[in-house]
């Protein structure tokens, strides 16, 4: 703030740097432009003057001229789930590594990207990436209207501007059914996330399909929030009206952890002695001794790398539609004690 009655303090300009360095203002601009060409001697003088004055270049003129900000909007939500926090960290590190700046856009509902629209439209970002799925055609159309490349995770909806990298959710569901059947489960149950969660629905579809090939059908199908409490409450409700299952596949690890605690505390049951339990995401808590949870690793590093490849392809050419692509990454089964009798 400027002291009352004192001189107006203005930001240091490129003209100030040019005057101190004894060069032209255009030489200063070229020094701080990624494509600018100046001699080594001129660059040295400009950088020394900028350091002395504390100068930071204004990126707005370059953005206006080129139409590119080198900023990528990273949309996040549901950060209470460690899976999303992990993806955010990987995205941020990878984007900085290829010279892009991150604009963090947080939405309250991890299943809806609508809330991000105003923030993305208000800044001139070159693209957007997100670990969240596009849940509705209305949201897909609204995001496409921004006319920037968008890459998301586990979305069943794409468009000419939207591409997706998906965990092979249905295949993992089939693998979960095979494992439980091989362990002798006769009363399997499926715990789904919200209906808008397309990835969860795919996992459940693969699970039920493969159970049928083993001559099995779900003894119970539950639905709840993609949270620890959602899993806990779903089991409490089930136990109040039905005998417990002997095997349970959950839409994510947080639900599975809640389910395990409810089975033990509300049902007086042993995991894995009475009920085998599986989750999805392989979050850090899955390896905790109290859960020792069998899960599926979505291989986040591979998914982020695939997302960046899609992004690089979209940004390599002139601005325009470059979406509509879907890349699948297999989920890796990580078996722990929750599916081993006596484990």
Protein backbone atom coordinates (compact mmCIF):
# COMPACT_ATOMS: atom_id res chain seq x y z
CA UNK A 1 0.00 0.00 0.00
CA UNK A 2 1.14 3.56 -0.65
CA UNK A 3 1.64 5.62 2.56
CA UNK A 4 -0.84 8.51 2.94
CA UNK A 5 0.60 11.58 1.24
CA UNK A 6 3.58 9.60 -0.11
CA UNK A 7 4.62 9.04 -3.72
CA UNK A 8 2.73 6.57 -5.87
CA UNK A 9 4.73 3.37 -6.12
CA UNK A 10 4.33 1.72 -9.52
CA UNK A 11 5.51 -1.73 -10.62
CA UNK A 12 8.91 -2.01 -12.26
CA UNK A 13 8.47 -1.96 -16.04
CA UNK A 14 10.45 -3.39 -18.94
CA UNK A 15 11.38 0.20 -19.81
CA UNK A 16 13.06 0.57 -16.39
CA UNK A 17 15.03 -2.63 -17.02
CA UNK A 18 16.04 -1.45 -20.50
CA UNK A 19 17.25 1.89 -19.13
CA UNK A 20 19.39 0.24 -16.42
CA UNK A 21 20.77 -2.41 -18.78
CA UNK A 22 21.50 0.11 -21.53
CA UNK A 23 19.47 -1.80 -24.15
CA UNK A 24 16.22 -1.29 -26.03
CA UNK A 25 12.84 -2.20 -24.55
CA UNK A 26 12.36 -4.75 -27.34
CA UNK A 27 15.58 -6.49 -26.26
CA UNK A 28 14.08 -6.89 -22.79
CA UNK A 29 10.90 -8.35 -24.30
CA UNK A 30 12.88 -10.81 -26.44
CA UNK A 31 14.94 -11.87 -23.41
CA UNK A 32 11.85 -12.94 -21.53
CA UNK A 33 10.10 -14.48 -24.54
CA UNK A 34 10.54 -18.26 -24.97
CA UNK A 35 11.01 -17.73 -28.72
CA UNK A 36 13.00 -14.48 -28.44
CA UNK A 37 16.51 -14.14 -29.88
CA UNK A 38 19.16 -11.97 -28.18
CA UNK A 39 22.90 -12.22 -27.81
CA UNK A 40 24.38 -13.85 -24.74
CA UNK A 41 25.85 -10.51 -23.67
CA UNK A 42 22.50 -8.71 -23.98
CA UNK A 43 20.70 -11.50 -22.10
CA UNK A 44 23.24 -11.28 -19.29
CA UNK A 45 22.82 -7.50 -18.95
CA UNK A 46 19.01 -7.70 -19.02
CA UNK A 47 18.80 -10.47 -16.43
CA UNK A 48 21.23 -8.62 -14.13
CA UNK A 49 19.17 -5.42 -14.37
CA UNK A 50 15.92 -7.35 -13.82
CA UNK A 51 17.38 -8.98 -10.70
CA UNK A 52 18.54 -5.63 -9.35
CA UNK A 53 15.12 -4.01 -9.86
CA UNK A 54 13.07 -7.07 -8.88
CA UNK A 55 11.39 -7.10 -12.27
CA UNK A 56 8.85 -9.79 -13.19
CA UNK A 57 7.62 -9.79 -16.81
CA UNK A 58 3.93 -9.17 -17.48
CA UNK A 59 2.65 -12.21 -19.35
CA UNK A 60 -0.61 -10.63 -20.50
CA UNK A 61 0.71 -8.94 -23.71
CA UNK A 62 2.29 -12.22 -24.86
CA UNK A 63 -0.95 -14.07 -24.11
CA UNK A 64 -2.94 -11.52 -26.13
CA UNK A 65 -0.57 -11.78 -29.09
CA UNK A 66 -0.18 -15.55 -29.18
CA UNK A 67 -3.58 -16.62 -27.88
CA UNK A 68 -1.78 -19.10 -25.63
CA UNK A 69 -1.32 -18.64 -21.88
CA UNK A 70 0.61 -21.87 -21.18
CA UNK A 71 -1.85 -22.32 -18.30
CA UNK A 72 -3.79 -25.53 -17.79
CA UNK A 73 -6.82 -25.62 -15.54
CA UNK A 74 -6.63 -28.59 -13.17
CA UNK A 75 -10.12 -29.34 -11.86
CA UNK A 76 -10.27 -31.10 -8.52
CA UNK A 77 -13.01 -32.22 -6.17
CA UNK A 78 -13.58 -34.84 -3.55
CA UNK A 79 -10.15 -34.30 -2.03
CA UNK A 80 -11.28 -36.20 1.06
CA UNK A 81 -10.57 -39.24 -1.12
CA UNK A 82 -6.77 -39.75 -1.18
CA UNK A 83 -7.00 -41.04 -4.75
CA UNK A 84 -7.90 -37.57 -6.04
CA UNK A 85 -5.20 -35.92 -3.95
CA UNK A 86 -2.63 -38.29 -5.46
CA UNK A 87 -3.80 -37.53 -8.99
CA UNK A 88 -3.65 -33.77 -8.32
CA UNK A 89 -0.07 -34.05 -7.12
CA UNK A 90 0.98 -36.11 -10.16
CA UNK A 91 -0.73 -33.74 -12.58
CA UNK A 92 0.81 -30.62 -11.03
CA UNK A 93 4.34 -32.04 -11.07
CA UNK A 94 4.02 -33.35 -14.62
CA UNK A 95 2.56 -30.12 -16.03
CA UNK A 96 5.28 -28.00 -14.45
CA UNK A 97 7.82 -30.43 -15.87
CA UNK A 98 6.77 -29.59 -19.43
CA UNK A 99 6.67 -25.84 -18.86
CA UNK A 100 2.95 -25.36 -18.23
CA UNK A 101 1.43 -23.38 -15.36
CA UNK A 102 -1.32 -24.81 -13.19
CA UNK A 103 -4.57 -23.01 -12.42
CA UNK A 104 -6.31 -24.95 -9.65
CA UNK A 105 -10.10 -25.05 -9.95
CA UNK A 106 -11.92 -26.75 -7.08
CA UNK A 107 -15.50 -27.99 -7.25
CA UNK A 108 -17.52 -29.09 -4.25
CA UNK A 109 -19.17 -32.08 -5.92
CA UNK A 110 -16.64 -34.64 -7.08
CA UNK A 111 -19.13 -35.99 -9.62
CA UNK A 112 -20.09 -32.71 -11.31
CA UNK A 113 -17.84 -30.40 -13.29
CA UNK A 114 -20.50 -27.77 -13.89
CA UNK A 115 -19.17 -25.62 -11.06
CA UNK A 116 -15.83 -25.28 -12.84
CA UNK A 117 -17.27 -23.64 -15.93
CA UNK A 118 -17.29 -20.04 -14.72
CA UNK A 119 -13.73 -20.23 -13.43
CA UNK A 120 -12.40 -21.85 -16.60
CA UNK A 121 -14.22 -19.32 -18.77
CA UNK A 122 -12.93 -16.42 -16.68
CA UNK A 123 -9.27 -17.26 -17.36
CA UNK A 124 -7.59 -17.82 -20.67
CA UNK A 125 -6.40 -21.37 -20.01
CA UNK A 126 -5.10 -23.38 -22.94
CA UNK A 127 -6.62 -26.65 -21.73
CA UNK A 128 -8.09 -28.41 -18.71
CA UNK A 129 -7.38 -31.76 -17.08
CA UNK A 130 -9.28 -33.46 -14.30
CA UNK A 131 -9.47 -36.74 -12.42
CA UNK A 132 -13.25 -36.30 -12.36
CA UNK A 133 -15.60 -37.76 -14.93
CA UNK A 134 -18.05 -35.83 -17.09
CA UNK A 135 -21.29 -37.16 -15.68
CA UNK A 136 -23.99 -35.67 -17.91
CA UNK A 137 -24.38 -34.69 -21.54
CA UNK A 138 -25.35 -31.20 -20.37
CA UNK A 139 -21.98 -30.86 -18.62
CA UNK A 140 -20.17 -32.26 -21.68
CA UNK A 141 -21.86 -29.72 -23.94
CA UNK A 142 -21.09 -26.85 -21.56
CA UNK A 143 -17.44 -27.86 -21.27
CA UNK A 144 -17.15 -28.25 -25.05
CA UNK A 145 -18.54 -24.74 -25.46
CA UNK A 146 -15.37 -23.42 -23.80
CA UNK A 147 -13.53 -24.55 -26.96
CA UNK A 148 -10.41 -25.77 -25.19
CA UNK A 149 -9.03 -29.33 -25.05
CA UNK A 150 -10.21 -31.18 -21.95
CA UNK A 151 -8.84 -34.50 -20.68
CA UNK A 152 -10.58 -36.32 -17.85
CA UNK A 153 -10.45 -39.65 -16.03
CA UNK A 154 -13.02 -42.44 -16.15
CA UNK A 155 -15.59 -40.54 -18.18
CA UNK A 156 -18.05 -42.40 -20.38
CA UNK A 157 -18.88 -39.15 -22.21
CA UNK A 158 -16.54 -37.50 -24.71
CA UNK A 159 -16.90 -34.90 -27.44
CA UNK A 160 -14.84 -33.24 -30.14
CA UNK A 161 -13.17 -31.26 -27.31
CA UNK A 162 -13.18 -33.88 -24.53
CA UNK A 163 -10.98 -36.97 -24.32
CA UNK A 164 -10.78 -39.46 -21.49
CA UNK A 165 -8.33 -41.86 -19.89
CA UNK A 166 -10.16 -44.73 -18.25
CA UNK A 167 -9.24 -47.44 -15.84
CA UNK A 168 -10.48 -50.73 -17.29
CA UNK A 169 -13.28 -50.79 -14.75
CA UNK A 170 -15.36 -53.59 -16.23
CA UNK A 171 -12.36 -55.92 -16.53
CA UNK A 172 -11.46 -55.21 -12.90
CA UNK A 173 -15.02 -56.05 -11.86
CA UNK A 174 -14.68 -59.38 -13.61
CA UNK A 175 -11.37 -60.03 -11.85
CA UNK A 176 -13.01 -59.26 -8.50
CA UNK A 177 -15.74 -61.81 -9.20
CA UNK A 178 -13.16 -64.43 -10.19
CA UNK A 179 -11.16 -63.90 -7.02
CA UNK A 180 -14.14 -64.14 -4.68
CA UNK A 181 -15.51 -67.20 -6.48
CA UNK A 182 -12.11 -68.89 -6.33
CA UNK A 183 -12.03 -68.23 -2.56
CA UNK A 184 -15.31 -70.12 -2.15
CA UNK A 185 -17.68 -67.16 -1.74
CA UNK A 186 -21.31 -68.20 -2.21
CA UNK A 187 -23.15 -65.03 -1.10
CA UNK A 188 -21.32 -62.19 -2.88
CA UNK A 189 -22.44 -58.59 -2.52
CA UNK A 190 -21.75 -55.42 -4.51
CA UNK A 191 -21.50 -51.95 -2.97
CA UNK A 192 -21.90 -49.24 -5.62
CA UNK A 193 -21.24 -45.54 -5.49
CA UNK A 194 -23.78 -42.93 -6.65
CA UNK A 195 -25.61 -43.61 -9.92
CA UNK A 196 -23.83 -40.66 -11.54
CA UNK A 197 -20.48 -42.38 -10.96
CA UNK A 198 -20.01 -44.08 -14.33
CA UNK A 199 -16.78 -45.80 -13.26
CA UNK A 200 -18.50 -47.43 -10.29
CA UNK A 201 -21.36 -48.59 -12.52
CA UNK A 202 -18.88 -50.20 -14.92
CA UNK A 203 -17.12 -52.01 -12.07
CA UNK A 204 -20.42 -53.37 -10.85
CA UNK A 205 -21.47 -54.43 -14.34
CA UNK A 206 -18.31 -56.45 -14.85
CA UNK A 207 -18.65 -57.98 -11.38
CA UNK A 208 -22.24 -59.16 -11.91
CA UNK A 209 -21.55 -60.44 -15.43
CA UNK A 210 -18.66 -62.59 -14.29
CA UNK A 211 -20.47 -63.86 -11.19
CA UNK A 212 -23.07 -65.34 -13.54
CA UNK A 213 -20.41 -67.45 -15.25
CA UNK A 214 -19.63 -68.95 -11.83
CA UNK A 215 -23.30 -69.72 -11.25
CA UNK A 216 -23.57 -66.90 -8.73
CA UNK A 217 -25.69 -63.77 -8.36
CA UNK A 218 -25.34 -60.89 -5.89
CA UNK A 219 -26.96 -61.75 -2.58
CA UNK A 220 -27.20 -58.00 -2.00
CA UNK A 221 -26.58 -54.81 -3.95
CA UNK A 222 -26.01 -51.66 -1.95
CA UNK A 223 -25.59 -48.05 -2.97
CA UNK A 224 -24.16 -45.12 -1.06
CA UNK A 225 -21.89 -42.11 -1.11
CA UNK A 226 -18.30 -42.67 -2.27
CA UNK A 227 -17.08 -42.10 1.29
CA UNK A 228 -16.06 -43.98 4.42
CA UNK A 229 -19.37 -43.09 6.05
CA UNK A 230 -21.24 -44.17 2.93
CA UNK A 231 -19.74 -47.64 3.19
CA UNK A 232 -20.31 -47.85 6.94
CA UNK A 233 -23.96 -46.81 6.68
CA UNK A 234 -24.68 -49.15 3.77
CA UNK A 235 -23.52 -52.16 5.77
CA UNK A 236 -25.48 -51.06 8.83
CA UNK A 237 -28.63 -50.89 6.72
CA UNK A 238 -27.95 -54.27 5.13
CA UNK A 239 -27.33 -56.03 8.44
CA UNK A 240 -30.63 -54.72 9.81
CA UNK A 241 -32.66 -56.54 7.14
CA UNK A 242 -30.52 -59.35 5.73
CA UNK A 243 -27.95 -61.99 6.63
CA UNK A 244 -24.41 -60.79 5.91
CA UNK A 245 -22.69 -61.70 2.65
CA UNK A 246 -19.56 -63.83 2.72
CA UNK A 247 -17.85 -61.71 0.06
CA UNK A 248 -18.06 -57.99 -0.73
CA UNK A 249 -16.74 -55.89 -3.61
CA UNK A 250 -16.89 -52.11 -3.05
CA UNK A 251 -16.78 -49.31 -5.61
CA UNK A 252 -13.79 -47.68 -3.92
CA UNK A 253 -11.45 -48.15 -0.97
CA UNK A 254 -13.03 -45.51 1.26
CA UNK A 255 -16.36 -47.36 1.10
CA UNK A 256 -14.57 -50.66 1.69
CA UNK A 257 -12.85 -49.31 4.83
CA UNK A 258 -16.19 -48.09 6.17
CA UNK A 259 -17.76 -51.46 5.33
CA UNK A 260 -15.03 -53.37 7.17
CA UNK A 261 -15.49 -51.31 10.32
CA UNK A 262 -19.28 -51.74 10.17
CA UNK A 263 -19.00 -55.49 9.67
CA UNK A 264 -16.75 -55.74 12.70
CA UNK A 265 -18.39 -53.20 14.99
CA UNK A 266 -22.07 -53.46 14.08
CA UNK A 267 -22.15 -57.07 12.92
CA UNK A 268 -19.56 -58.66 15.19
CA UNK A 269 -18.08 -60.27 12.09
CA UNK A 270 -14.50 -61.05 11.16
CA UNK A 271 -12.79 -59.79 8.01
CA UNK A 272 -11.63 -62.00 6.36
CA UNK A 273 -12.81 -64.84 8.62
CA UNK A 274 -16.52 -64.31 7.93
CA UNK A 275 -16.52 -61.86 5.03
CA UNK A 276 -13.95 -61.29 2.29
CA UNK A 277 -13.76 -57.63 1.22
CA UNK A 278 -12.34 -55.91 -1.86
CA UNK A 279 -12.05 -52.24 -2.79
CA UNK A 280 -10.78 -50.07 -5.65
CA UNK A 281 -8.10 -47.31 -5.98
CA UNK A 282 -5.37 -48.79 -3.72
CA UNK A 283 -5.21 -45.66 -1.55
CA UNK A 284 -2.59 -45.60 1.25
CA UNK A 285 -5.17 -46.65 3.87
CA UNK A 286 -5.69 -49.93 1.99
CA UNK A 287 -2.27 -51.08 3.19
CA UNK A 288 -2.89 -50.12 6.83
CA UNK A 289 -2.74 -53.17 9.10
CA UNK A 290 -6.26 -52.57 10.42
CA UNK A 291 -7.70 -52.95 6.88
CA UNK A 292 -5.09 -54.92 4.89
CA UNK A 293 -7.48 -54.38 2.00
CA UNK A 294 -7.34 -56.13 -1.36
CA UNK A 295 -7.77 -53.45 -4.00
CA UNK A 296 -7.18 -52.42 -7.61
CA UNK A 297 -4.38 -49.99 -8.40
CA UNK A 298 -5.52 -47.65 -11.18
CA UNK A 299 -1.84 -47.04 -12.03
CA UNK A 300 -2.09 -43.28 -11.64
CA UNK A 301 1.32 -42.57 -13.18
CA UNK A 302 0.31 -44.36 -16.37
CA UNK A 303 -3.05 -42.58 -16.45
CA UNK A 304 -1.42 -39.17 -15.96
CA UNK A 305 1.16 -39.94 -18.65
CA UNK A 306 -1.62 -40.95 -21.05
CA UNK A 307 -3.56 -37.78 -20.20
CA UNK A 308 -0.49 -35.63 -20.89
CA UNK A 309 0.03 -37.37 -24.23
CA UNK A 310 -3.55 -36.50 -25.20
CA UNK A 311 -3.00 -32.95 -23.99
CA UNK A 312 0.28 -32.55 -25.88
CA UNK A 313 -1.36 -33.77 -29.08
CA UNK A 314 -4.25 -31.34 -28.66
CA UNK A 315 -1.93 -28.38 -27.98
CA UNK A 316 0.60 -29.17 -30.69
CA UNK A 317 -1.50 -27.85 -33.54
CA UNK A 318 -3.59 -24.73 -34.01
CA UNK A 319 -6.47 -24.27 -31.57
CA UNK A 320 -9.35 -26.51 -32.55
CA UNK A 321 -11.21 -29.71 -31.70
CA UNK A 322 -8.83 -32.56 -30.91
CA UNK A 323 -10.91 -34.62 -28.52
CA UNK A 324 -13.12 -37.65 -28.69
CA UNK A 325 -10.35 -40.09 -27.84
CA UNK A 326 -10.55 -42.79 -25.17
CA UNK A 327 -7.50 -44.54 -23.73
CA UNK A 328 -7.84 -47.53 -21.41
CA UNK A 329 -5.32 -48.38 -18.69
CA UNK A 330 -5.61 -51.81 -17.03
CA UNK A 331 -6.13 -51.85 -13.26
CA UNK A 332 -3.65 -53.96 -11.32
CA UNK A 333 -5.01 -56.33 -8.67
CA UNK A 334 -3.25 -55.92 -5.31
CA UNK A 335 -4.25 -58.80 -3.05
CA UNK A 336 -3.91 -58.42 0.71
CA UNK A 337 -5.23 -60.13 3.79
CA UNK A 338 -8.89 -59.05 3.44
CA UNK A 339 -9.45 -61.79 0.84
CA UNK A 340 -7.31 -64.48 2.43
CA UNK A 341 -9.11 -66.77 4.86
CA UNK A 342 -7.12 -66.72 8.05
CA UNK A 343 -5.08 -63.79 6.66
